[in-house]
Amino acid sequence: MYKNKKYSKYKYKNSKKAKNKLAILMAITVLLVGLVAGLWFFMYKDNNQNNQSGATSENSNKQSDDINYSPATEQEKKAADKIKDLQSKEEANNPQEETSESNQNSSSKKTVTPVITNVSAESVSGYINGVFEEGGKCSAVFVKGSSKRTLTSTGFTNVSYTQCAPIEIPSNYLSSGTWKVTLKYESNKATGSSAPEQLEI
């Protein structure tokens, strides 16, 4: 009976020691796994940073290699001169385009035929059918041989047409002889000339 009690007590102590050893081994194993994992993490992070810095330096080196610092070649100089010539030609053509636009504007005006109602040594009168406006320019043009004289007045609206204010002829303005008289009209909307009339001075 005494021997059995002693044996069971010894068996209990051995099992307790075995459990303690197992717990210690497990703790050491967990600690080693943690150390290995931490070491691997820091090594991976450091390697990734090195790769990124290497790629950045490589890209910057490529960009610097792509820049050409050498002087311009003859072919590049010729190409630049050609571009300058084309630009100067385009600038020279711009005034012509503006002139053509102004010509188009003048050609878009309505063509009218003024009518002379009276011509004498004192004045010229007339009107313009087909246009009804204020402020147009009426011009009486007198021609005899190589001599040419011009007097003007302003157009104004009258009923349904434009009337020219009487164009007064100063005394001794025209020399004696036969003059051809033409009434011309010009405005932003219309332009035209009448048939000539004769005036004896």
C-alpha atoms as a PDB file:
ATOM      1  CA  MET A   1       0.000   0.000   0.000  1.00  0.00           C
ATOM      2  CA  TYR A   2       2.780   2.385   0.864  1.00  0.00           C
ATOM      3  CA  LYS A   3       4.633   1.561  -2.361  1.00  0.00           C
ATOM      4  CA  ASN A   4       1.595   2.322  -4.526  1.00  0.00           C
ATOM      5  CA  LYS A   5       1.187   5.791  -2.968  1.00  0.00           C
ATOM      6  CA  LYS A   6       4.848   6.594  -3.549  1.00  0.00           C
ATOM      7  CA  TYR A   7       4.657   5.460  -7.191  1.00  0.00           C
ATOM      8  CA  SER A   8       1.577   7.554  -7.974  1.00  0.00           C
ATOM      9  CA  LYS A   9       3.180  10.618  -6.403  1.00  0.00           C
ATOM     10  CA  TYR A  10       6.295  10.111  -8.531  1.00  0.00           C
ATOM     11  CA  LYS A  11       4.149   9.669 -11.662  1.00  0.00           C
ATOM     12  CA  TYR A  12       2.290  12.939 -10.936  1.00  0.00           C
ATOM     13  CA  LYS A  13       5.545  14.901 -10.619  1.00  0.00           C
ATOM     14  CA  ASN A  14       6.862  13.525 -13.923  1.00  0.00           C
ATOM     15  CA  SER A  15       3.659  14.461 -15.816  1.00  0.00           C
ATOM     16  CA  LYS A  16       3.773  17.996 -14.377  1.00  0.00           C
ATOM     17  CA  LYS A  17       7.401  18.399 -15.491  1.00  0.00           C
ATOM     18  CA  ALA A  18       6.478  17.139 -18.961  1.00  0.00           C
ATOM     19  CA  LYS A  19       3.677  19.706 -19.227  1.00  0.00           C
ATOM     20  CA  ASN A  20       6.030  22.507 -18.159  1.00  0.00           C
ATOM     21  CA  LYS A  21       8.587  21.443 -20.756  1.00  0.00           C
ATOM     22  CA  LEU A  22       5.910  21.345 -23.452  1.00  0.00           C
ATOM     23  CA  ALA A  23       4.705  24.840 -22.558  1.00  0.00           C
ATOM     24  CA  ILE A  24       8.264  26.168 -22.661  1.00  0.00           C
ATOM     25  CA  LEU A  25       8.881  24.538 -26.053  1.00  0.00           C
ATOM     26  CA  MET A  26       5.671  26.021 -27.425  1.00  0.00           C
ATOM     27  CA  ALA A  27       6.591  29.495 -26.149  1.00  0.00           C
ATOM     28  CA  ILE A  28      10.067  29.210 -27.705  1.00  0.00           C
ATOM     29  CA  THR A  29       8.535  28.027 -30.980  1.00  0.00           C
ATOM     30  CA  VAL A  30       6.069  30.969 -31.063  1.00  0.00           C
ATOM     31  CA  LEU A  31       8.895  33.383 -30.254  1.00  0.00           C
ATOM     32  CA  LEU A  32      11.070  31.980 -33.049  1.00  0.00           C
ATOM     33  CA  VAL A  33       8.212  32.168 -35.553  1.00  0.00           C
ATOM     34  CA  GLY A  34       7.563  35.781 -34.540  1.00  0.00           C
ATOM     35  CA  LEU A  35      11.245  36.674 -34.926  1.00  0.00           C
ATOM     36  CA  VAL A  36      11.454  34.998 -38.333  1.00  0.00           C
ATOM     37  CA  ALA A  37       8.260  36.758 -39.524  1.00  0.00           C
ATOM     38  CA  GLY A  38       9.488  40.143 -38.282  1.00  0.00           C
ATOM     39  CA  LEU A  39      12.883  39.663 -39.897  1.00  0.00           C
ATOM     40  CA  TRP A  40      11.266  38.642 -43.175  1.00  0.00           C
ATOM     41  CA  PHE A  41       8.946  41.693 -43.097  1.00  0.00           C
ATOM     42  CA  PHE A  42      11.785  44.168 -42.550  1.00  0.00           C
ATOM     43  CA  MET A  43      13.922  42.512 -45.217  1.00  0.00           C
ATOM     44  CA  TYR A  44      11.028  42.601 -47.736  1.00  0.00           C
ATOM     45  CA  LYS A  45      10.278  46.277 -46.955  1.00  0.00           C
ATOM     46  CA  ASP A  46      13.916  47.286 -47.315  1.00  0.00           C
ATOM     47  CA  ASN A  47      14.229  45.408 -50.616  1.00  0.00           C
ATOM     48  CA  ASN A  48      11.055  47.035 -51.984  1.00  0.00           C
ATOM     49  CA  GLN A  49      12.350  50.523 -51.129  1.00  0.00           C
ATOM     50  CA  ASN A  50      15.650  49.746 -52.845  1.00  0.00           C
ATOM     51  CA  ASN A  51      13.805  48.595 -55.971  1.00  0.00           C
ATOM     52  CA  GLN A  52      11.686  51.761 -56.075  1.00  0.00           C
ATOM     53  CA  SER A  53      14.682  54.072 -55.660  1.00  0.00           C
ATOM     54  CA  GLY A  54      16.527  52.128 -58.339  1.00  0.00           C
ATOM     55  CA  ALA A  55      13.603  52.452 -60.756  1.00  0.00           C
ATOM     56  CA  THR A  56      13.347  56.200 -60.065  1.00  0.00           C
ATOM     57  CA  SER A  57      17.034  56.762 -60.709  1.00  0.00           C
ATOM     58  CA  GLU A  58      16.817  54.660 -63.857  1.00  0.00           C
ATOM     59  CA  ASN A  59      13.855  56.732 -65.177  1.00  0.00           C
ATOM     60  CA  SER A  60      15.652  59.988 -64.414  1.00  0.00           C
ATOM     61  CA  ASN A  61      18.719  58.696 -66.226  1.00  0.00           C
ATOM     62  CA  LYS A  62      16.581  57.769 -69.246  1.00  0.00           C
ATOM     63  CA  GLN A  63      14.947  61.218 -69.293  1.00  0.00           C
ATOM     64  CA  SER A  64      18.307  62.929 -69.139  1.00  0.00           C
ATOM     65  CA  ASP A  65      19.555  60.671 -71.918  1.00  0.00           C
ATOM     66  CA  ASP A  66      16.539  61.615 -74.101  1.00  0.00           C
ATOM     67  CA  ILE A  67      17.409  65.344 -74.017  1.00  0.00           C
ATOM     68  CA  ASN A  68      19.605  66.315 -76.929  1.00  0.00           C
ATOM     69  CA  TYR A  69      22.072  69.012 -75.909  1.00  0.00           C
ATOM     70  CA  SER A  70      24.028  68.901 -79.142  1.00  0.00           C
ATOM     71  CA  PRO A  71      23.944  71.927 -81.516  1.00  0.00           C
ATOM     72  CA  ALA A  72      21.271  72.027 -84.241  1.00  0.00           C
ATOM     73  CA  THR A  73      22.192  70.182 -87.412  1.00  0.00           C
ATOM     74  CA  GLU A  74      22.076  71.755 -90.865  1.00  0.00           C
ATOM     75  CA  GLN A  75      18.885  69.849 -91.629  1.00  0.00           C
ATOM     76  CA  GLU A  76      17.200  71.226 -88.493  1.00  0.00           C
ATOM     77  CA  LYS A  77      18.321  74.751 -89.379  1.00  0.00           C
ATOM     78  CA  LYS A  78      16.880  74.412 -92.892  1.00  0.00           C
ATOM     79  CA  ALA A  79      13.582  73.138 -91.476  1.00  0.00           C
ATOM     80  CA  ALA A  80      13.395  76.113 -89.089  1.00  0.00           C
ATOM     81  CA  ASP A  81      14.135  78.564 -91.919  1.00  0.00           C
ATOM     82  CA  LYS A  82      11.426  76.954 -94.055  1.00  0.00           C
ATOM     83  CA  ILE A  83       8.872  77.374 -91.259  1.00  0.00           C
ATOM     84  CA  LYS A  84       9.844  81.047 -90.904  1.00  0.00           C
ATOM     85  CA  ASP A  85       9.424  81.590 -94.658  1.00  0.00           C
ATOM     86  CA  LEU A  86       5.956  80.024 -94.574  1.00  0.00           C
ATOM     87  CA  GLN A  87       4.922  82.218 -91.648  1.00  0.00           C
ATOM     88  CA  SER A  88       6.151  85.387 -93.388  1.00  0.00           C
ATOM     89  CA  LYS A  89       4.269  84.423 -96.555  1.00  0.00           C
ATOM     90  CA  GLU A  90       1.059  83.884 -94.569  1.00  0.00           C
ATOM     91  CA  GLU A  91       1.477  87.296 -92.931  1.00  0.00           C
ATOM     92  CA  ALA A  92       2.037  88.865 -96.349  1.00  0.00           C
ATOM     93  CA  ASN A  93      -1.153  87.238 -97.642  1.00  0.00           C
ATOM     94  CA  ASN A  94      -3.305  88.639 -94.824  1.00  0.00           C
ATOM     95  CA  PRO A  95      -3.590  92.169 -96.323  1.00  0.00           C
ATOM     96  CA  GLN A  96      -4.736  90.620 -99.596  1.00  0.00           C
ATOM     97  CA  GLU A  97      -7.414  88.679 -97.733  1.00  0.00           C
ATOM     98  CA  GLU A  98      -8.569  91.882 -96.033  1.00  0.00           C
ATOM     99  CA  THR A  99      -8.693  93.639 -99.444  1.00  0.00           C
ATOM    100  CA  SER A 100     -10.717  90.799-100.928  1.00  0.00           C
ATOM    101  CA  GLU A 101     -13.120  91.018 -97.970  1.00  0.00           C
ATOM    102  CA  SER A 102     -13.566  94.760 -98.529  1.00  0.00           C
ATOM    103  CA  ASN A 103     -14.181  94.099-102.222  1.00  0.00           C
ATOM    104  CA  GLN A 104     -16.790  91.537-101.302  1.00  0.00           C
ATOM    105  CA  ASN A 105     -18.465  94.075 -99.015  1.00  0.00           C
ATOM    106  CA  SER A 106     -18.573  96.697-101.792  1.00  0.00           C
ATOM    107  CA  SER A 107     -19.874  94.157-104.302  1.00  0.00           C
ATOM    108  CA  SER A 108     -22.633  93.238-101.848  1.00  0.00           C
ATOM    109  CA  LYS A 109     -24.037  96.773-102.132  1.00  0.00           C
ATOM    110  CA  LYS A 110     -27.223  97.271-104.131  1.00  0.00           C
ATOM    111  CA  THR A 111     -26.657  98.749-107.573  1.00  0.00           C
ATOM    112  CA  VAL A 112     -28.941 101.708-108.270  1.00  0.00           C
ATOM    113  CA  THR A 113     -29.409 104.150-111.139  1.00  0.00           C
ATOM    114  CA  PRO A 114     -29.852 107.778-110.046  1.00  0.00           C
ATOM    115  CA  VAL A 115     -32.159 109.951-112.164  1.00  0.00           C
ATOM    116  CA  ILE A 116     -31.320 113.580-113.014  1.00  0.00           C
ATOM    117  CA  THR A 117     -34.496 115.681-112.794  1.00  0.00           C
ATOM    118  CA  ASN A 118     -32.910 119.060-113.426  1.00  0.00           C
ATOM    119  CA  VAL A 119     -29.558 120.347-114.673  1.00  0.00           C
ATOM    120  CA  SER A 120     -28.755 124.012-115.219  1.00  0.00           C
ATOM    121  CA  ALA A 121     -25.938 126.501-114.833  1.00  0.00           C
ATOM    122  CA  GLU A 122     -27.136 127.078-111.241  1.00  0.00           C
ATOM    123  CA  SER A 123     -27.821 123.545-109.867  1.00  0.00           C
ATOM    124  CA  VAL A 124     -28.305 119.834-110.426  1.00  0.00           C
ATOM    125  CA  SER A 125     -31.163 117.821-108.877  1.00  0.00           C
ATOM    126  CA  GLY A 126     -32.085 114.171-108.901  1.00  0.00           C
ATOM    127  CA  TYR A 127     -33.307 111.139-106.946  1.00  0.00           C
ATOM    128  CA  ILE A 128     -32.531 107.423-106.496  1.00  0.00           C
ATOM    129  CA  ASN A 129     -35.176 104.742-106.907  1.00  0.00           C
ATOM    130  CA  GLY A 130     -34.923 101.416-105.099  1.00  0.00           C
ATOM    131  CA  VAL A 131     -33.304 102.761-101.930  1.00  0.00           C
ATOM    132  CA  PHE A 132     -34.881 104.609 -99.023  1.00  0.00           C
ATOM    133  CA  GLU A 133     -32.324 105.998 -96.572  1.00  0.00           C
ATOM    134  CA  GLU A 134     -30.742 109.054 -95.026  1.00  0.00           C
ATOM    135  CA  GLY A 135     -27.155 110.226 -95.281  1.00  0.00           C
ATOM    136  CA  GLY A 136     -26.076 108.874 -98.672  1.00  0.00           C
ATOM    137  CA  LYS A 137     -23.676 110.921-100.796  1.00  0.00           C
ATOM    138  CA  CYS A 138     -24.888 112.503-104.042  1.00  0.00           C
ATOM    139  CA  SER A 139     -22.185 113.703-106.433  1.00  0.00           C
ATOM    140  CA  ALA A 140     -22.587 115.764-109.602  1.00  0.00           C
ATOM    141  CA  VAL A 141     -19.617 115.093-111.879  1.00  0.00           C
ATOM    142  CA  PHE A 142     -18.899 117.596-114.654  1.00  0.00           C
ATOM    143  CA  VAL A 143     -16.601 116.549-117.511  1.00  0.00           C
ATOM    144  CA  LYS A 144     -15.374 118.603-120.483  1.00  0.00           C
ATOM    145  CA  GLY A 145     -12.398 117.215-122.358  1.00  0.00           C
ATOM    146  CA  SER A 146      -9.655 116.689-119.785  1.00  0.00           C
ATOM    147  CA  SER A 147     -11.371 118.907-117.223  1.00  0.00           C
ATOM    148  CA  LYS A 148     -13.342 117.276-114.435  1.00  0.00           C
ATOM    149  CA  ARG A 149     -15.220 118.950-111.581  1.00  0.00           C
ATOM    150  CA  THR A 150     -17.264 117.417-108.744  1.00  0.00           C
ATOM    151  CA  LEU A 151     -19.850 118.912-106.379  1.00  0.00           C
ATOM    152  CA  THR A 152     -21.713 116.967-103.675  1.00  0.00           C
ATOM    153  CA  SER A 153     -24.821 117.012-101.503  1.00  0.00           C
ATOM    154  CA  THR A 154     -26.556 114.641 -99.052  1.00  0.00           C
ATOM    155  CA  GLY A 155     -29.409 112.249 -99.778  1.00  0.00           C
ATOM    156  CA  PHE A 156     -32.583 112.174 -97.703  1.00  0.00           C
ATOM    157  CA  THR A 157     -35.769 110.099 -97.648  1.00  0.00           C
ATOM    158  CA  ASN A 158     -38.703 111.398 -99.679  1.00  0.00           C
ATOM    159  CA  VAL A 159     -41.978 109.402 -99.924  1.00  0.00           C
ATOM    160  CA  SER A 160     -40.585 106.049-101.148  1.00  0.00           C
ATOM    161  CA  TYR A 161     -37.174 106.953-102.581  1.00  0.00           C
ATOM    162  CA  THR A 162     -33.997 108.851-101.744  1.00  0.00           C
ATOM    163  CA  GLN A 163     -33.863 112.463-102.857  1.00  0.00           C
ATOM    164  CA  CYS A 164     -30.608 114.324-103.435  1.00  0.00           C
ATOM    165  CA  ALA A 165     -30.505 117.811-101.996  1.00  0.00           C
ATOM    166  CA  PRO A 166     -30.027 120.296-104.871  1.00  0.00           C
ATOM    167  CA  ILE A 167     -26.369 120.572-105.806  1.00  0.00           C
ATOM    168  CA  GLU A 168     -25.642 124.273-106.168  1.00  0.00           C
ATOM    169  CA  ILE A 169     -23.115 125.351-108.832  1.00  0.00           C
ATOM    170  CA  PRO A 170     -21.128 128.475-107.874  1.00  0.00           C
ATOM    171  CA  SER A 171     -20.899 131.225-110.440  1.00  0.00           C
ATOM    172  CA  ASN A 172     -17.893 130.994-112.765  1.00  0.00           C
ATOM    173  CA  TYR A 173     -17.288 127.451-111.448  1.00  0.00           C
ATOM    174  CA  LEU A 174     -17.637 125.986-114.938  1.00  0.00           C
ATOM    175  CA  SER A 175     -16.022 127.494-118.031  1.00  0.00           C
ATOM    176  CA  SER A 176     -18.041 128.125-121.171  1.00  0.00           C
ATOM    177  CA  GLY A 177     -18.712 125.144-123.384  1.00  0.00           C
ATOM    178  CA  THR A 178     -20.525 121.824-123.309  1.00  0.00           C
ATOM    179  CA  TRP A 179     -20.207 119.744-120.140  1.00  0.00           C
ATOM    180  CA  LYS A 180     -21.336 116.175-119.556  1.00  0.00           C
ATOM    181  CA  VAL A 181     -23.064 115.885-116.174  1.00  0.00           C
ATOM    182  CA  THR A 182     -23.426 112.583-114.273  1.00  0.00           C
ATOM    183  CA  LEU A 183     -25.199 112.093-110.953  1.00  0.00           C
ATOM    184  CA  LYS A 184     -23.563 109.472-108.721  1.00  0.00           C
ATOM    185  CA  TYR A 185     -24.803 108.003-105.446  1.00  0.00           C
ATOM    186  CA  GLU A 186     -22.856 106.185-102.722  1.00  0.00           C
ATOM    187  CA  SER A 187     -23.899 104.836 -99.316  1.00  0.00           C
ATOM    188  CA  ASN A 188     -23.344 101.846 -97.062  1.00  0.00           C
ATOM    189  CA  LYS A 189     -26.169 100.009 -98.821  1.00  0.00           C
ATOM    190  CA  ALA A 190     -26.189 101.252-102.418  1.00  0.00           C
ATOM    191  CA  THR A 191     -24.020 102.606-105.211  1.00  0.00           C
ATOM    192  CA  GLY A 192     -24.653 103.714-108.795  1.00  0.00           C
ATOM    193  CA  SER A 193     -24.365 106.307-111.529  1.00  0.00           C
ATOM    194  CA  SER A 194     -26.918 108.000-113.808  1.00  0.00           C
ATOM    195  CA  ALA A 195     -26.895 108.371-117.533  1.00  0.00           C
ATOM    196  CA  PRO A 196     -24.979 111.531-118.562  1.00  0.00           C
ATOM    197  CA  GLU A 197     -26.778 114.775-119.383  1.00  0.00           C
ATOM    198  CA  GLN A 198     -25.396 117.751-121.360  1.00  0.00           C
ATOM    199  CA  LEU A 199     -25.043 121.215-119.894  1.00  0.00           C
ATOM    200  CA  GLU A 200     -24.279 124.297-122.032  1.00  0.00           C
ATOM    201  CA  ILE A 201     -22.522 127.132-120.269  1.00  0.00           C
END
